[in-house]
Amino acid sequence: MTETHPDGDPALLLTDFVNTLNIEPGTDEIATPAELAGWLAEQGLVPGGTPAGDADLHTAITLREGLREAMSAHHGPRGADYPDDLEDALAALPLRIALTGPRPALVPLDPPGSAAAGLARIAAAITDSVAAGTWPRLKVCQEDTCRWAFLDTSKNRSRSWCSMSVCGNRTKTRAYRARRRSG
């Protein structure tokens, strides 16, 4: 079972999940177990009314921030190490390899009515994104006050900011002012 965003792209599911924490204003869409359960249901990853507990919330936050760091590593050289926390979160999720369909896929072990199964579906979207060729194009804004996840659709895969007009402009303006002060 391939897990995708309602628009059909696993990369968009991953960016939406990472962007549940908006760093600049400090808003978190999954700050409580109930909010996590609601978000998973809104994405169609679990049935409505699925409960989530504190352990699920801890796993979700660890998974989200691990994905953010992994996407940040996509700005660097190939073969960059992924964070240990991400490895730990993935190891905690109930997944198995299913040998059905046109290619092997990761599928949740837990029944679909659990938050862990919803988080496992997000983890499965990583392999779906790799298969689709979008995984190395998933990045986070290099502006420290932003860190918004985005899909780099530039031809040469060199995009650094979520928005050139906002974050790119901030960074370039800061660099310009620093050069003028030191000059």
C-alpha atoms as a PDB file:
ATOM      1  CA  MET A   1       0.000   0.000   0.000  1.00  0.00           C
ATOM      2  CA  THR A   2       1.653   3.218  -1.153  1.00  0.00           C
ATOM      3  CA  GLU A   3       1.116   6.150   1.186  1.00  0.00           C
ATOM      4  CA  THR A   4       0.697   9.475  -0.475  1.00  0.00           C
ATOM      5  CA  HIS A   5      -0.615  12.928   0.109  1.00  0.00           C
ATOM      6  CA  PRO A   6      -4.251  13.424  -0.930  1.00  0.00           C
ATOM      7  CA  ASP A   7      -2.743  15.003  -4.074  1.00  0.00           C
ATOM      8  CA  GLY A   8      -0.982  11.688  -4.815  1.00  0.00           C
ATOM      9  CA  ASP A   9       2.632  12.564  -3.967  1.00  0.00           C
ATOM     10  CA  PRO A  10       4.431  10.952  -1.006  1.00  0.00           C
ATOM     11  CA  ALA A  11       6.860  13.910  -0.934  1.00  0.00           C
ATOM     12  CA  LEU A  12       3.983  16.274  -0.199  1.00  0.00           C
ATOM     13  CA  LEU A  13       2.840  14.092   2.693  1.00  0.00           C
ATOM     14  CA  LEU A  14       6.352  14.275   4.145  1.00  0.00           C
ATOM     15  CA  THR A  15       6.604  18.058   3.745  1.00  0.00           C
ATOM     16  CA  ASP A  16       3.134  18.541   5.222  1.00  0.00           C
ATOM     17  CA  PHE A  17       4.131  16.415   8.219  1.00  0.00           C
ATOM     18  CA  VAL A  18       7.398  18.292   8.812  1.00  0.00           C
ATOM     19  CA  ASN A  19       5.567  21.605   8.409  1.00  0.00           C
ATOM     20  CA  THR A  20       3.168  20.796  11.244  1.00  0.00           C
ATOM     21  CA  LEU A  21       5.694  22.821  13.247  1.00  0.00           C
ATOM     22  CA  ASN A  22       5.943  26.342  11.866  1.00  0.00           C
ATOM     23  CA  ILE A  23       9.132  27.599  13.509  1.00  0.00           C
ATOM     24  CA  GLU A  24       8.813  31.306  12.718  1.00  0.00           C
ATOM     25  CA  PRO A  25       5.512  31.936  14.585  1.00  0.00           C
ATOM     26  CA  GLY A  26       6.078  28.935  16.874  1.00  0.00           C
ATOM     27  CA  THR A  27       2.827  27.130  16.038  1.00  0.00           C
ATOM     28  CA  ASP A  28       2.587  23.347  16.289  1.00  0.00           C
ATOM     29  CA  GLU A  29      -0.373  21.505  14.748  1.00  0.00           C
ATOM     30  CA  ILE A  30       0.423  18.281  16.649  1.00  0.00           C
ATOM     31  CA  ALA A  31       1.347  19.636  20.089  1.00  0.00           C
ATOM     32  CA  THR A  32      -0.983  17.223  21.937  1.00  0.00           C
ATOM     33  CA  PRO A  33      -1.992  13.596  21.418  1.00  0.00           C
ATOM     34  CA  ALA A  34      -5.502  14.738  20.381  1.00  0.00           C
ATOM     35  CA  GLU A  35      -4.073  17.142  17.793  1.00  0.00           C
ATOM     36  CA  LEU A  36      -1.821  14.379  16.443  1.00  0.00           C
ATOM     37  CA  ALA A  37      -4.799  12.029  16.112  1.00  0.00           C
ATOM     38  CA  GLY A  38      -6.801  14.754  14.368  1.00  0.00           C
ATOM     39  CA  TRP A  39      -3.985  15.544  11.936  1.00  0.00           C
ATOM     40  CA  LEU A  40      -3.472  11.863  11.056  1.00  0.00           C
ATOM     41  CA  ALA A  41      -7.219  11.502  10.425  1.00  0.00           C
ATOM     42  CA  GLU A  42      -7.328  14.669   8.285  1.00  0.00           C
ATOM     43  CA  GLN A  43      -4.580  13.205   6.115  1.00  0.00           C
ATOM     44  CA  GLY A  44      -6.505   9.947   5.729  1.00  0.00           C
ATOM     45  CA  LEU A  45      -3.781   7.976   7.504  1.00  0.00           C
ATOM     46  CA  VAL A  46      -6.096   6.703  10.254  1.00  0.00           C
ATOM     47  CA  PRO A  47      -9.872   6.552  10.658  1.00  0.00           C
ATOM     48  CA  GLY A  48     -11.518   9.500  12.424  1.00  0.00           C
ATOM     49  CA  GLY A  49     -11.727   9.013  16.173  1.00  0.00           C
ATOM     50  CA  THR A  50      -8.449   7.070  16.363  1.00  0.00           C
ATOM     51  CA  PRO A  51      -6.850   7.788  19.739  1.00  0.00           C
ATOM     52  CA  ALA A  52      -3.228   8.814  20.241  1.00  0.00           C
ATOM     53  CA  GLY A  53      -1.215   8.693  23.441  1.00  0.00           C
ATOM     54  CA  ASP A  54       1.838  10.417  24.853  1.00  0.00           C
ATOM     55  CA  ALA A  55       4.148   7.733  23.411  1.00  0.00           C
ATOM     56  CA  ASP A  56       2.627   8.297  19.946  1.00  0.00           C
ATOM     57  CA  LEU A  57       3.176  12.051  20.310  1.00  0.00           C
ATOM     58  CA  HIS A  58       6.805  11.529  21.348  1.00  0.00           C
ATOM     59  CA  THR A  59       7.393   9.240  18.347  1.00  0.00           C
ATOM     60  CA  ALA A  60       5.681  11.720  16.001  1.00  0.00           C
ATOM     61  CA  ILE A  61       7.781  14.667  17.172  1.00  0.00           C
ATOM     62  CA  THR A  62      10.988  12.626  16.975  1.00  0.00           C
ATOM     63  CA  LEU A  63      10.033  11.446  13.484  1.00  0.00           C
ATOM     64  CA  ARG A  64       9.125  14.981  12.364  1.00  0.00           C
ATOM     65  CA  GLU A  65      12.321  16.597  13.625  1.00  0.00           C
ATOM     66  CA  GLY A  66      14.431  13.702  12.309  1.00  0.00           C
ATOM     67  CA  LEU A  67      12.857  14.175   8.884  1.00  0.00           C
ATOM     68  CA  ARG A  68      13.554  17.922   9.103  1.00  0.00           C
ATOM     69  CA  GLU A  69      17.242  17.208   9.753  1.00  0.00           C
ATOM     70  CA  ALA A  70      17.370  14.572   6.992  1.00  0.00           C
ATOM     71  CA  MET A  71      15.876  17.087   4.551  1.00  0.00           C
ATOM     72  CA  SER A  72      18.433  19.656   5.714  1.00  0.00           C
ATOM     73  CA  ALA A  73      21.186  17.152   4.885  1.00  0.00           C
ATOM     74  CA  HIS A  74      19.942  17.123   1.281  1.00  0.00           C
ATOM     75  CA  HIS A  75      21.592  20.548   0.851  1.00  0.00           C
ATOM     76  CA  GLY A  76      24.993  18.979   1.459  1.00  0.00           C
ATOM     77  CA  PRO A  77      27.082  16.368  -0.291  1.00  0.00           C
ATOM     78  CA  ARG A  78      25.525  13.025  -1.170  1.00  0.00           C
ATOM     79  CA  GLY A  79      25.942  10.374   1.475  1.00  0.00           C
ATOM     80  CA  ALA A  80      25.450  12.755   4.381  1.00  0.00           C
ATOM     81  CA  ASP A  81      24.557  10.975   7.606  1.00  0.00           C
ATOM     82  CA  TYR A  82      20.983  11.077   8.783  1.00  0.00           C
ATOM     83  CA  PRO A  83      20.240  11.848  12.424  1.00  0.00           C
ATOM     84  CA  ASP A  84      20.234   8.994  14.944  1.00  0.00           C
ATOM     85  CA  ASP A  85      16.913  10.215  16.332  1.00  0.00           C
ATOM     86  CA  LEU A  86      15.309   9.554  12.954  1.00  0.00           C
ATOM     87  CA  GLU A  87      16.727   6.041  12.915  1.00  0.00           C
ATOM     88  CA  ASP A  88      15.356   5.472  16.436  1.00  0.00           C
ATOM     89  CA  ALA A  89      11.885   6.761  15.492  1.00  0.00           C
ATOM     90  CA  LEU A  90      11.787   4.584  12.384  1.00  0.00           C
ATOM     91  CA  ALA A  91      12.901   1.544  14.373  1.00  0.00           C
ATOM     92  CA  ALA A  92      10.049   2.117  16.840  1.00  0.00           C
ATOM     93  CA  LEU A  93       7.373   2.059  14.125  1.00  0.00           C
ATOM     94  CA  PRO A  94       5.501  -1.135  13.291  1.00  0.00           C
ATOM     95  CA  LEU A  95       6.486  -1.754   9.652  1.00  0.00           C
ATOM     96  CA  ARG A  96       7.053  -4.770   7.456  1.00  0.00           C
ATOM     97  CA  ILE A  97       7.950  -5.342   3.830  1.00  0.00           C
ATOM     98  CA  ALA A  98       5.083  -6.535   1.672  1.00  0.00           C
ATOM     99  CA  LEU A  99       5.940  -8.379  -1.535  1.00  0.00           C
ATOM    100  CA  THR A 100       2.722  -7.586  -3.339  1.00  0.00           C
ATOM    101  CA  GLY A 101       2.111  -5.350  -6.302  1.00  0.00           C
ATOM    102  CA  PRO A 102       4.674  -4.149  -8.821  1.00  0.00           C
ATOM    103  CA  ARG A 103       7.412  -3.570  -6.208  1.00  0.00           C
ATOM    104  CA  PRO A 104       8.061  -4.351  -2.545  1.00  0.00           C
ATOM    105  CA  ALA A 105       6.569  -1.783  -0.180  1.00  0.00           C
ATOM    106  CA  LEU A 106       6.651  -0.915   3.493  1.00  0.00           C
ATOM    107  CA  VAL A 107       3.297  -1.392   5.194  1.00  0.00           C
ATOM    108  CA  PRO A 108       2.177  -0.856   8.805  1.00  0.00           C
ATOM    109  CA  LEU A 109       1.819  -3.905  11.040  1.00  0.00           C
ATOM    110  CA  ASP A 110      -0.606  -2.305  13.481  1.00  0.00           C
ATOM    111  CA  PRO A 111      -4.296  -2.241  12.697  1.00  0.00           C
ATOM    112  CA  PRO A 112      -5.316   0.905  10.780  1.00  0.00           C
ATOM    113  CA  GLY A 113      -7.100   2.282  13.852  1.00  0.00           C
ATOM    114  CA  SER A 114      -3.898   3.176  15.721  1.00  0.00           C
ATOM    115  CA  ALA A 115      -1.800   6.318  15.710  1.00  0.00           C
ATOM    116  CA  ALA A 116       1.338   4.149  15.378  1.00  0.00           C
ATOM    117  CA  ALA A 117      -0.038   2.785  12.100  1.00  0.00           C
ATOM    118  CA  GLY A 118      -0.610   6.343  10.849  1.00  0.00           C
ATOM    119  CA  LEU A 119       2.968   7.277  11.736  1.00  0.00           C
ATOM    120  CA  ALA A 120       4.167   4.077  10.052  1.00  0.00           C
ATOM    121  CA  ARG A 121       2.381   5.229   6.893  1.00  0.00           C
ATOM    122  CA  ILE A 122       4.376   8.479   7.034  1.00  0.00           C
ATOM    123  CA  ALA A 123       7.575   6.430   7.365  1.00  0.00           C
ATOM    124  CA  ALA A 124       6.497   4.306   4.393  1.00  0.00           C
ATOM    125  CA  ALA A 125       6.157   7.527   2.379  1.00  0.00           C
ATOM    126  CA  ILE A 126       9.948   7.892   2.663  1.00  0.00           C
ATOM    127  CA  THR A 127      10.536   4.770   0.575  1.00  0.00           C
ATOM    128  CA  ASP A 128       7.749   5.805  -1.798  1.00  0.00           C
ATOM    129  CA  SER A 129       9.469   9.172  -2.220  1.00  0.00           C
ATOM    130  CA  VAL A 130      12.784   7.423  -2.893  1.00  0.00           C
ATOM    131  CA  ALA A 131      11.074   5.265  -5.532  1.00  0.00           C
ATOM    132  CA  ALA A 132       9.487   8.373  -7.094  1.00  0.00           C
ATOM    133  CA  GLY A 133      12.865  10.139  -7.186  1.00  0.00           C
ATOM    134  CA  THR A 134      11.717  13.010  -4.979  1.00  0.00           C
ATOM    135  CA  TRP A 135      13.502  12.080  -1.723  1.00  0.00           C
ATOM    136  CA  PRO A 136      16.779  13.948  -2.458  1.00  0.00           C
ATOM    137  CA  ARG A 137      14.730  16.977  -3.558  1.00  0.00           C
ATOM    138  CA  LEU A 138      13.034  17.261  -0.146  1.00  0.00           C
ATOM    139  CA  LYS A 139      14.784  20.085   1.682  1.00  0.00           C
ATOM    140  CA  VAL A 140      14.261  22.614   4.440  1.00  0.00           C
ATOM    141  CA  CYS A 141      14.733  26.340   4.155  1.00  0.00           C
ATOM    142  CA  GLN A 142      18.279  27.358   5.040  1.00  0.00           C
ATOM    143  CA  GLU A 143      16.988  30.474   6.833  1.00  0.00           C
ATOM    144  CA  ASP A 144      17.427  29.597  10.533  1.00  0.00           C
ATOM    145  CA  THR A 145      14.255  31.405  11.573  1.00  0.00           C
ATOM    146  CA  CYS A 146      12.170  29.458   9.049  1.00  0.00           C
ATOM    147  CA  ARG A 147      13.264  25.813   8.402  1.00  0.00           C
ATOM    148  CA  TRP A 148      10.086  25.192   6.302  1.00  0.00           C
ATOM    149  CA  ALA A 149      10.157  21.932   4.336  1.00  0.00           C
ATOM    150  CA  PHE A 150       9.754  22.129   0.560  1.00  0.00           C
ATOM    151  CA  LEU A 151      10.210  20.104  -2.618  1.00  0.00           C
ATOM    152  CA  ASP A 152      13.104  21.523  -4.657  1.00  0.00           C
ATOM    153  CA  THR A 153      11.808  21.610  -8.211  1.00  0.00           C
ATOM    154  CA  SER A 154      14.709  23.649  -9.571  1.00  0.00           C
ATOM    155  CA  LYS A 155      16.463  22.194 -12.583  1.00  0.00           C
ATOM    156  CA  ASN A 156      19.862  21.858 -10.869  1.00  0.00           C
ATOM    157  CA  ARG A 157      18.489  20.992  -7.388  1.00  0.00           C
ATOM    158  CA  SER A 158      20.186  24.003  -5.813  1.00  0.00           C
ATOM    159  CA  ARG A 159      17.280  25.804  -4.150  1.00  0.00           C
ATOM    160  CA  SER A 160      18.170  26.940  -0.621  1.00  0.00           C
ATOM    161  CA  TRP A 161      15.091  28.766   0.602  1.00  0.00           C
ATOM    162  CA  CYS A 162      11.386  28.049   0.743  1.00  0.00           C
ATOM    163  CA  SER A 163      10.797  31.454  -0.848  1.00  0.00           C
ATOM    164  CA  MET A 164      13.339  33.653  -2.579  1.00  0.00           C
ATOM    165  CA  SER A 165      11.156  36.715  -2.031  1.00  0.00           C
ATOM    166  CA  VAL A 166      10.991  36.228   1.745  1.00  0.00           C
ATOM    167  CA  CYS A 167      13.713  34.009   3.207  1.00  0.00           C
ATOM    168  CA  GLY A 168      16.180  34.425   0.349  1.00  0.00           C
ATOM    169  CA  ASN A 169      15.773  38.185   0.539  1.00  0.00           C
ATOM    170  CA  ARG A 170      16.295  38.189   4.322  1.00  0.00           C
ATOM    171  CA  THR A 171      19.496  36.172   4.014  1.00  0.00           C
ATOM    172  CA  LYS A 172      20.900  38.263   1.170  1.00  0.00           C
ATOM    173  CA  THR A 173      20.005  41.533   2.921  1.00  0.00           C
ATOM    174  CA  ARG A 174      21.746  40.370   6.120  1.00  0.00           C
ATOM    175  CA  ALA A 175      24.861  39.390   4.131  1.00  0.00           C
ATOM    176  CA  TYR A 176      24.856  42.732   2.304  1.00  0.00           C
ATOM    177  CA  ARG A 177      24.600  44.681   5.573  1.00  0.00           C
ATOM    178  CA  ALA A 178      27.384  42.615   7.149  1.00  0.00           C
ATOM    179  CA  ARG A 179      29.649  43.338   4.149  1.00  0.00           C
ATOM    180  CA  ARG A 180      28.912  47.081   4.380  1.00  0.00           C
ATOM    181  CA  ARG A 181      29.671  47.147   8.115  1.00  0.00           C
ATOM    182  CA  SER A 182      32.990  45.345   7.699  1.00  0.00           C
ATOM    183  CA  GLY A 183      33.944  47.410   4.653  1.00  0.00           C
END
